[in-house]
Amino acid sequence: MTDEERESERLRLKSDLDYYLDNYNELTRVRPNYKKIVDKEINRLVKALKALSR
């Protein structure tokens, strides 16, 4: 993976993570069972960002 591809992927993951964090309350308030799904997605994004930074 080139530096340009890595940076592009990092920005995409960061954008997705920002979306979930900014809208967390709204996403989980509508349907409480979405909390598990949203939490798993946030954890997946954080792990992917950590892997890219290595």
Protein backbone atom coordinates (compact mmCIF):
# COMPACT_ATOMS: atom_id res chain seq x y z
CA MET A 1 0.00 0.00 0.00
CA THR A 2 1.47 3.33 -1.02
CA ASP A 3 1.55 6.35 1.25
CA GLU A 4 -1.16 8.01 -0.83
CA GLU A 5 -3.46 4.98 -0.57
CA ARG A 6 -2.77 4.70 3.16
CA GLU A 7 -3.60 8.38 3.72
CA SER A 8 -6.77 8.06 1.65
CA GLU A 9 -7.88 5.02 3.64
CA ARG A 10 -7.03 6.76 6.93
CA LEU A 11 -9.16 9.77 5.97
CA ARG A 12 -12.08 7.54 4.97
CA LEU A 13 -11.92 5.60 8.24
CA LYS A 14 -11.63 8.81 10.23
CA SER A 15 -14.66 10.25 8.45
CA ASP A 16 -16.69 7.11 9.23
CA LEU A 17 -15.57 7.17 12.87
CA ASP A 18 -16.46 10.87 13.19
CA TYR A 19 -19.94 10.12 11.84
CA TYR A 20 -20.58 7.40 14.44
CA LEU A 21 -19.18 9.46 17.30
CA ASP A 22 -21.06 12.63 16.34
CA ASN A 23 -24.37 10.77 15.93
CA TYR A 24 -23.95 8.16 18.67
CA ASN A 25 -26.84 9.30 20.87
CA GLU A 26 -29.22 9.67 17.97
CA LEU A 27 -28.29 6.30 16.48
CA THR A 28 -28.69 4.43 19.77
CA ARG A 29 -31.74 6.29 21.06
CA VAL A 30 -33.96 5.30 18.13
CA ARG A 31 -33.36 1.59 18.69
CA PRO A 32 -31.51 0.50 21.83
CA ASN A 33 -30.37 -2.76 20.17
CA TYR A 34 -28.37 -0.64 17.70
CA LYS A 35 -25.97 0.22 20.55
CA LYS A 36 -24.15 -3.12 20.16
CA ILE A 37 -23.91 -2.68 16.40
CA VAL A 38 -22.66 0.91 16.65
CA ASP A 39 -20.15 -0.02 19.39
CA LYS A 40 -18.80 -2.89 17.27
CA GLU A 41 -18.46 -0.61 14.25
CA ILE A 42 -16.62 2.03 16.30
CA ASN A 43 -14.24 -0.63 17.66
CA ARG A 44 -13.64 -1.97 14.14
CA LEU A 45 -12.80 1.51 12.85
CA VAL A 46 -10.45 2.24 15.78
CA LYS A 47 -8.61 -1.06 15.19
CA ALA A 48 -8.29 -0.35 11.48
CA LEU A 49 -6.90 3.12 12.18
CA LYS A 50 -4.39 1.69 14.65
CA ALA A 51 -3.30 -0.92 12.11
CA LEU A 52 -2.74 1.79 9.48
CA SER A 53 -0.60 3.85 11.83
CA ARG A 54 1.90 1.01 12.33
